[in-house]
C-alpha atoms as a PDB file:
ATOM      1  CA  MET A   1     117.588  27.324 220.082  1.00  0.00           C
ATOM      2  CA  THR A   2     119.606  25.638 216.702  1.00  0.00           C
ATOM      3  CA  TYR A   3     118.997  22.074 216.270  1.00  0.00           C
ATOM      4  CA  LEU A   4     122.962  20.957 217.954  1.00  0.00           C
ATOM      5  CA  ASN A   5     121.630  22.015 220.864  1.00  0.00           C
ATOM      6  CA  GLU A   6     117.908  21.239 221.245  1.00  0.00           C
ATOM      7  CA  LEU A   7     120.810  17.838 220.163  1.00  0.00           C
ATOM      8  CA  GLU A   8     123.208  18.755 222.904  1.00  0.00           C
ATOM      9  CA  GLN A   9     120.141  19.530 225.578  1.00  0.00           C
ATOM     10  CA  ALA A  10     118.234  15.791 224.482  1.00  0.00           C
ATOM     11  CA  LEU A  11     121.692  14.095 225.140  1.00  0.00           C
ATOM     12  CA  LYS A  12     122.144  15.415 228.652  1.00  0.00           C
ATOM     13  CA  ASP A  13     122.167  12.415 230.769  1.00  0.00           C
ATOM     14  CA  LEU A  14     124.960  10.808 228.474  1.00  0.00           C
ATOM     15  CA  PRO A  15     128.240  10.868 230.000  1.00  0.00           C
ATOM     16  CA  LYS A  16     130.430  13.903 228.852  1.00  0.00           C
ATOM     17  CA  ASN A  17     132.930  12.609 226.365  1.00  0.00           C
ATOM     18  CA  GLU A  18     130.342  10.352 224.984  1.00  0.00           C
ATOM     19  CA  GLN A  19     127.490  13.996 224.284  1.00  0.00           C
ATOM     20  CA  ALA A  20     130.995  15.029 222.944  1.00  0.00           C
ATOM     21  CA  LYS A  21     131.280  12.487 220.997  1.00  0.00           C
ATOM     22  CA  TRP A  22     128.056  12.625 219.416  1.00  0.00           C
ATOM     23  CA  LEU A  23     127.372  16.058 218.899  1.00  0.00           C
ATOM     24  CA  ASP A  24     131.022  16.585 216.950  1.00  0.00           C
ATOM     25  CA  HIS A  25     129.871  13.857 214.265  1.00  0.00           C
ATOM     26  CA  TYR A  26     126.640  15.180 213.719  1.00  0.00           C
ATOM     27  CA  ALA A  27     127.563  19.545 213.229  1.00  0.00           C
ATOM     28  CA  ASN A  28     130.652  17.653 211.316  1.00  0.00           C
ATOM     29  CA  TYR A  29     127.973  15.985 209.699  1.00  0.00           C
ATOM     30  CA  MET A  30     125.813  19.132 209.340  1.00  0.00           C
ATOM     31  CA  LYS A  31     128.257  20.976 208.082  1.00  0.00           C
ATOM     32  CA  LYS A  32     130.083  18.279 206.106  1.00  0.00           C
ATOM     33  CA  HIS A  33     126.609  18.257 204.143  1.00  0.00           C
ATOM     34  CA  HIS A  34     125.305  22.092 203.816  1.00  0.00           C
ATOM     35  CA  LEU A  35     122.663  21.123 207.026  1.00  0.00           C
ATOM     36  CA  ASP A  36     120.885  24.226 208.174  1.00  0.00           C
ATOM     37  CA  ASP A  37     119.116  23.817 211.733  1.00  0.00           C
ATOM     38  CA  TRP A  38     115.833  23.120 209.131  1.00  0.00           C
ATOM     39  CA  SER A  39     117.607  20.959 207.082  1.00  0.00           C
ATOM     40  CA  ALA A  40     119.195  19.141 209.558  1.00  0.00           C
ATOM     41  CA  GLN A  41     115.622  18.569 211.486  1.00  0.00           C
ATOM     42  CA  MET A  42     114.424  17.142 208.184  1.00  0.00           C
ATOM     43  CA  THR A  43     117.179  14.757 207.706  1.00  0.00           C
ATOM     44  CA  LEU A  44     117.936  14.252 210.765  1.00  0.00           C
ATOM     45  CA  GLY A  45     113.969  13.696 212.484  1.00  0.00           C
ATOM     46  CA  GLU A  46     113.595  15.487 215.645  1.00  0.00           C
ATOM     47  CA  PRO A  47     116.257  15.701 217.790  1.00  0.00           C
ATOM     48  CA  ARG A  48     115.102  13.840 220.691  1.00  0.00           C
ATOM     49  CA  ASP A  49     114.322  10.677 218.342  1.00  0.00           C
ATOM     50  CA  LEU A  50     117.614  11.320 216.449  1.00  0.00           C
ATOM     51  CA  ALA A  51     118.755  11.531 221.098  1.00  0.00           C
ATOM     52  CA  GLU A  52     117.744   8.129 221.291  1.00  0.00           C
ATOM     53  CA  LYS A  53     118.744   6.257 218.745  1.00  0.00           C
ATOM     54  CA  VAL A  54     122.203   7.901 220.017  1.00  0.00           C
ATOM     55  CA  ARG A  55     121.410   6.272 223.011  1.00  0.00           C
ATOM     56  CA  LYS A  56     120.658   2.564 221.145  1.00  0.00           C
ATOM     57  CA  GLN A  57     123.743   3.422 219.554  1.00  0.00           C
ATOM     58  CA  ALA A  58     126.136   3.212 222.280  1.00  0.00           C
ATOM     59  CA  GLY A  59     124.087   0.627 224.632  1.00  0.00           C
ATOM     60  CA  LEU A  60     123.021   3.056 227.157  1.00  0.00           C
ATOM     61  CA  GLU A  61     118.955   3.467 228.340  1.00  0.00           C
ATOM     62  CA  SER A  62     117.310   6.245 227.789  1.00  0.00           C
ATOM     63  CA  ALA A  63     114.994   8.551 230.089  1.00  0.00           C
ATOM     64  CA  ALA A  64     112.606   6.858 228.494  1.00  0.00           C
ATOM     65  CA  ASP A  65     113.233   3.922 229.487  1.00  0.00           C
ATOM     66  CA  GLN A  66     113.695   3.927 233.506  1.00  0.00           C
ATOM     67  CA  ARG A  67     110.042   5.741 233.812  1.00  0.00           C
ATOM     68  CA  VAL A  68     107.750   3.373 235.779  1.00  0.00           C
ATOM     69  CA  PRO A  69     105.575   0.905 233.725  1.00  0.00           C
ATOM     70  CA  SER A  70     102.227   1.640 234.196  1.00  0.00           C
ATOM     71  CA  GLU A  71     102.356   5.592 233.339  1.00  0.00           C
ATOM     72  CA  PRO A  72     101.546   5.649 230.578  1.00  0.00           C
ATOM     73  CA  SER A  73     104.311   7.104 227.658  1.00  0.00           C
ATOM     74  CA  PRO A  74     104.015  11.347 226.307  1.00  0.00           C
ATOM     75  CA  LYS A  75     103.937   8.949 222.757  1.00  0.00           C
ATOM     76  CA  GLU A  76     100.695   6.887 223.887  1.00  0.00           C
ATOM     77  CA  LYS A  77      99.356  10.225 225.194  1.00  0.00           C
ATOM     78  CA  SER A  78     100.056  12.051 222.131  1.00  0.00           C
ATOM     79  CA  LYS A  79      99.052   9.569 219.875  1.00  0.00           C
ATOM     80  CA  GLY A  80      94.779  11.046 219.794  1.00  0.00           C
ATOM     81  CA  ALA A  81      96.210  14.153 219.601  1.00  0.00           C
ATOM     82  CA  VAL A  82      98.665  13.474 216.247  1.00  0.00           C
ATOM     83  CA  PHE A  83      95.450  11.531 214.687  1.00  0.00           C
ATOM     84  CA  LEU A  84      93.047  14.648 214.877  1.00  0.00           C
ATOM     85  CA  LYS A  85      95.225  17.298 214.162  1.00  0.00           C
ATOM     86  CA  ALA A  86      97.258  15.856 211.201  1.00  0.00           C
ATOM     87  CA  PRO A  87      94.158  15.179 209.308  1.00  0.00           C
ATOM     88  CA  LEU A  88      92.271  19.002 209.987  1.00  0.00           C
ATOM     89  CA  ALA A  89      95.870  20.598 209.021  1.00  0.00           C
ATOM     90  CA  PHE A  90      95.991  18.086 206.112  1.00  0.00           C
ATOM     91  CA  LEU A  91      92.513  20.053 204.744  1.00  0.00           C
ATOM     92  CA  MET A  92      93.510  22.951 205.771  1.00  0.00           C
ATOM     93  CA  ALA A  93      96.573  22.940 203.388  1.00  0.00           C
ATOM     94  CA  LEU A  94      94.835  21.603 200.625  1.00  0.00           C
ATOM     95  CA  VAL A  95      91.966  24.543 200.993  1.00  0.00           C
ATOM     96  CA  VAL A  96      95.210  27.826 201.232  1.00  0.00           C
ATOM     97  CA  LEU A  97      96.989  25.031 198.190  1.00  0.00           C
ATOM     98  CA  VAL A  98      94.077  25.858 195.776  1.00  0.00           C
ATOM     99  CA  ILE A  99      93.950  28.808 197.527  1.00  0.00           C
ATOM    100  CA  LEU A 100      97.402  29.480 196.241  1.00  0.00           C
ATOM    101  CA  TRP A 101      97.788  28.415 192.982  1.00  0.00           C
ATOM    102  CA  LEU A 102      94.781  28.954 191.005  1.00  0.00           C
ATOM    103  CA  PRO A 103      95.799  33.021 190.429  1.00  0.00           C
ATOM    104  CA  THR A 104      99.129  30.879 188.262  1.00  0.00           C
ATOM    105  CA  LEU A 105      96.616  28.806 187.012  1.00  0.00           C
ATOM    106  CA  ILE A 106      93.956  31.699 185.790  1.00  0.00           C
ATOM    107  CA  SER A 107      97.288  33.173 184.926  1.00  0.00           C
ATOM    108  CA  TRP A 108      98.771  30.415 182.274  1.00  0.00           C
ATOM    109  CA  LEU A 109      94.822  29.413 181.349  1.00  0.00           C
ATOM    110  CA  ILE A 110      95.018  33.624 179.736  1.00  0.00           C
ATOM    111  CA  MET A 111      98.210  33.426 178.579  1.00  0.00           C
ATOM    112  CA  VAL A 112      96.782  29.715 176.561  1.00  0.00           C
ATOM    113  CA  ALA A 113      93.542  31.585 175.166  1.00  0.00           C
ATOM    114  CA  PHE A 114      95.918  34.830 173.962  1.00  0.00           C
ATOM    115  CA  ILE A 115      97.954  31.860 172.069  1.00  0.00           C
ATOM    116  CA  PHE A 116      94.964  29.938 170.545  1.00  0.00           C
ATOM    117  CA  VAL A 117      93.167  33.568 169.981  1.00  0.00           C
ATOM    118  CA  ALA A 118      96.400  34.877 167.764  1.00  0.00           C
ATOM    119  CA  ALA A 119      96.283  31.980 166.622  1.00  0.00           C
ATOM    120  CA  PHE A 120      92.840  31.515 165.183  1.00  0.00           C
ATOM    121  CA  VAL A 121      93.056  35.503 164.297  1.00  0.00           C
ATOM    122  CA  GLY A 122      96.104  34.685 162.677  1.00  0.00           C
ATOM    123  CA  ILE A 123      94.671  32.732 160.231  1.00  0.00           C
ATOM    124  CA  ALA A 124      91.258  34.612 159.467  1.00  0.00           C
ATOM    125  CA  GLY A 125      93.396  37.375 158.833  1.00  0.00           C
ATOM    126  CA  ALA A 126      95.388  35.122 156.099  1.00  0.00           C
ATOM    127  CA  VAL A 127      92.340  34.236 154.169  1.00  0.00           C
ATOM    128  CA  VAL A 128      90.952  37.869 154.065  1.00  0.00           C
ATOM    129  CA  ILE A 129      93.335  39.021 152.866  1.00  0.00           C
ATOM    130  CA  PRO A 130      93.237  37.951 149.509  1.00  0.00           C
ATOM    131  CA  GLN A 131      89.942  39.400 149.433  1.00  0.00           C
ATOM    132  CA  SER A 132      90.549  42.695 151.473  1.00  0.00           C
ATOM    133  CA  LEU A 133      93.826  44.149 152.027  1.00  0.00           C
ATOM    134  CA  PHE A 134      92.390  46.403 154.899  1.00  0.00           C
ATOM    135  CA  GLY A 135      90.706  43.881 156.475  1.00  0.00           C
ATOM    136  CA  GLY A 136      93.011  40.694 156.210  1.00  0.00           C
ATOM    137  CA  SER A 137      95.561  43.019 157.492  1.00  0.00           C
ATOM    138  CA  PHE A 138      93.701  44.129 160.353  1.00  0.00           C
ATOM    139  CA  TYR A 139      93.478  40.796 161.560  1.00  0.00           C
ATOM    140  CA  ILE A 140      97.616  39.687 161.301  1.00  0.00           C
ATOM    141  CA  GLY A 141      98.028  42.585 163.305  1.00  0.00           C
ATOM    142  CA  LEU A 142      95.495  42.163 165.989  1.00  0.00           C
ATOM    143  CA  ALA A 143      97.268  38.346 166.372  1.00  0.00           C
ATOM    144  CA  LEU A 144     100.415  40.276 166.822  1.00  0.00           C
ATOM    145  CA  LEU A 145      98.747  42.427 169.058  1.00  0.00           C
ATOM    146  CA  PHE A 146      97.692  38.418 171.323  1.00  0.00           C
ATOM    147  CA  LEU A 147     101.162  37.465 170.379  1.00  0.00           C
ATOM    148  CA  GLY A 148     102.758  40.505 172.282  1.00  0.00           C
ATOM    149  CA  LEU A 149     100.741  39.859 174.638  1.00  0.00           C
ATOM    150  CA  VAL A 150     101.308  36.570 175.532  1.00  0.00           C
ATOM    151  CA  LEU A 151     105.720  38.258 176.054  1.00  0.00           C
ATOM    152  CA  VAL A 152     104.176  40.523 177.866  1.00  0.00           C
ATOM    153  CA  TRP A 153     102.209  38.453 180.071  1.00  0.00           C
ATOM    154  CA  SER A 154     104.595  35.285 180.401  1.00  0.00           C
ATOM    155  CA  PRO A 155     107.532  37.004 182.844  1.00  0.00           C
ATOM    156  CA  MET A 156     104.549  37.520 185.560  1.00  0.00           C
ATOM    157  CA  ALA A 157     102.747  33.563 184.875  1.00  0.00           C
ATOM    158  CA  THR A 158     106.603  32.684 185.737  1.00  0.00           C
ATOM    159  CA  LEU A 159     106.235  34.753 188.420  1.00  0.00           C
ATOM    160  CA  LEU A 160     103.148  33.311 189.926  1.00  0.00           C
ATOM    161  CA  SER A 161     104.733  30.074 188.819  1.00  0.00           C
ATOM    162  CA  MET A 162     107.260  31.171 191.093  1.00  0.00           C
ATOM    163  CA  LYS A 163     106.242  32.162 194.283  1.00  0.00           C
ATOM    164  CA  SER A 164     103.271  29.793 194.538  1.00  0.00           C
ATOM    165  CA  ALA A 165     105.936  26.752 195.087  1.00  0.00           C
ATOM    166  CA  ASP A 166     107.421  28.713 197.757  1.00  0.00           C
ATOM    167  CA  TRP A 167     104.328  30.001 198.800  1.00  0.00           C
ATOM    168  CA  SER A 168     103.483  25.495 198.750  1.00  0.00           C
ATOM    169  CA  ARG A 169     107.103  24.657 200.134  1.00  0.00           C
ATOM    170  CA  GLN A 170     106.502  27.495 203.055  1.00  0.00           C
ATOM    171  CA  LEU A 171     102.672  26.253 203.184  1.00  0.00           C
ATOM    172  CA  PHE A 172     103.823  22.143 203.548  1.00  0.00           C
ATOM    173  CA  GLN A 173     107.267  23.023 206.400  1.00  0.00           C
ATOM    174  CA  THR A 174     103.956  24.737 208.148  1.00  0.00           C
ATOM    175  CA  VAL A 175     101.916  21.706 208.221  1.00  0.00           C
ATOM    176  CA  LEU A 176     104.493  18.849 209.157  1.00  0.00           C
ATOM    177  CA  ARG A 177     105.693  21.383 212.087  1.00  0.00           C
ATOM    178  CA  ILE A 178     101.865  21.651 212.753  1.00  0.00           C
ATOM    179  CA  VAL A 179     101.578  17.614 212.739  1.00  0.00           C
ATOM    180  CA  ARG A 180     105.108  17.281 214.707  1.00  0.00           C
ATOM    181  CA  GLY A 181     104.403  19.429 217.565  1.00  0.00           C
ATOM    182  CA  GLY A 182     101.149  17.248 218.009  1.00  0.00           C
ATOM    183  CA  ARG A 183     104.062  14.629 218.256  1.00  0.00           C
ATOM    184  CA  GLY A 184     106.201  17.020 219.956  1.00  0.00           C
ATOM    185  CA  ASN A 185     106.077  15.472 223.492  1.00  0.00           C
ATOM    186  CA  GLU A 186     107.243  11.217 222.315  1.00  0.00           C
END
C-alpha cells in the first residue's frame, strides 16, 4: 500500500472535499520534493500521525478522541513493547553493524600496512643500493610491488566501503521499522 493510500485510509472519516484537499496537498508535496513512499514516511511521519495533525489543523475531532476515556489508548498499551523492542533492536543493529564494517576495516588496514611496508622497504633499498646494487634493487622492486598491491587493492576497499554504507543504511531502516512497528497502534 502506498503512502498516499495509507493516508487516505487514515483520513476516511473526514468529509470527502476536505479529504481530497489534503491528499492533493501531500501528493503535490511528494511530487515537488521527489519523495518516494519510504522518503515520505521519513519526512512526513507515519500516515496515521499525519492524519491526526491534519484533523487538528482542520479543527476536527479524531476517532481516537471520541473513544471512552476509561479505555486505555493503543499508544498506552504499546508503550511497554516499544521500550522492550528499541534497546533490543539497537543492540542487534550494533552487532550487525560491527560485522558489516569489519571486512571494510580489515581491507583498509591491509592497504595502510602495504603502504608502510612499501615505504620502509623502499627506504631500505635506497640505503642498501650504494653497498649492493642487486640487494638495493631487490628492495626497491619489493617496494614497487607493495605499491602495486595498494593500487590493486584500493578498488576492492572502496567497493567494500560503499557496500557497507548501503548495508548500514538498510539496517537502520529495518531497525526504524521494527521500533516503529512496536508503536504501530498509536
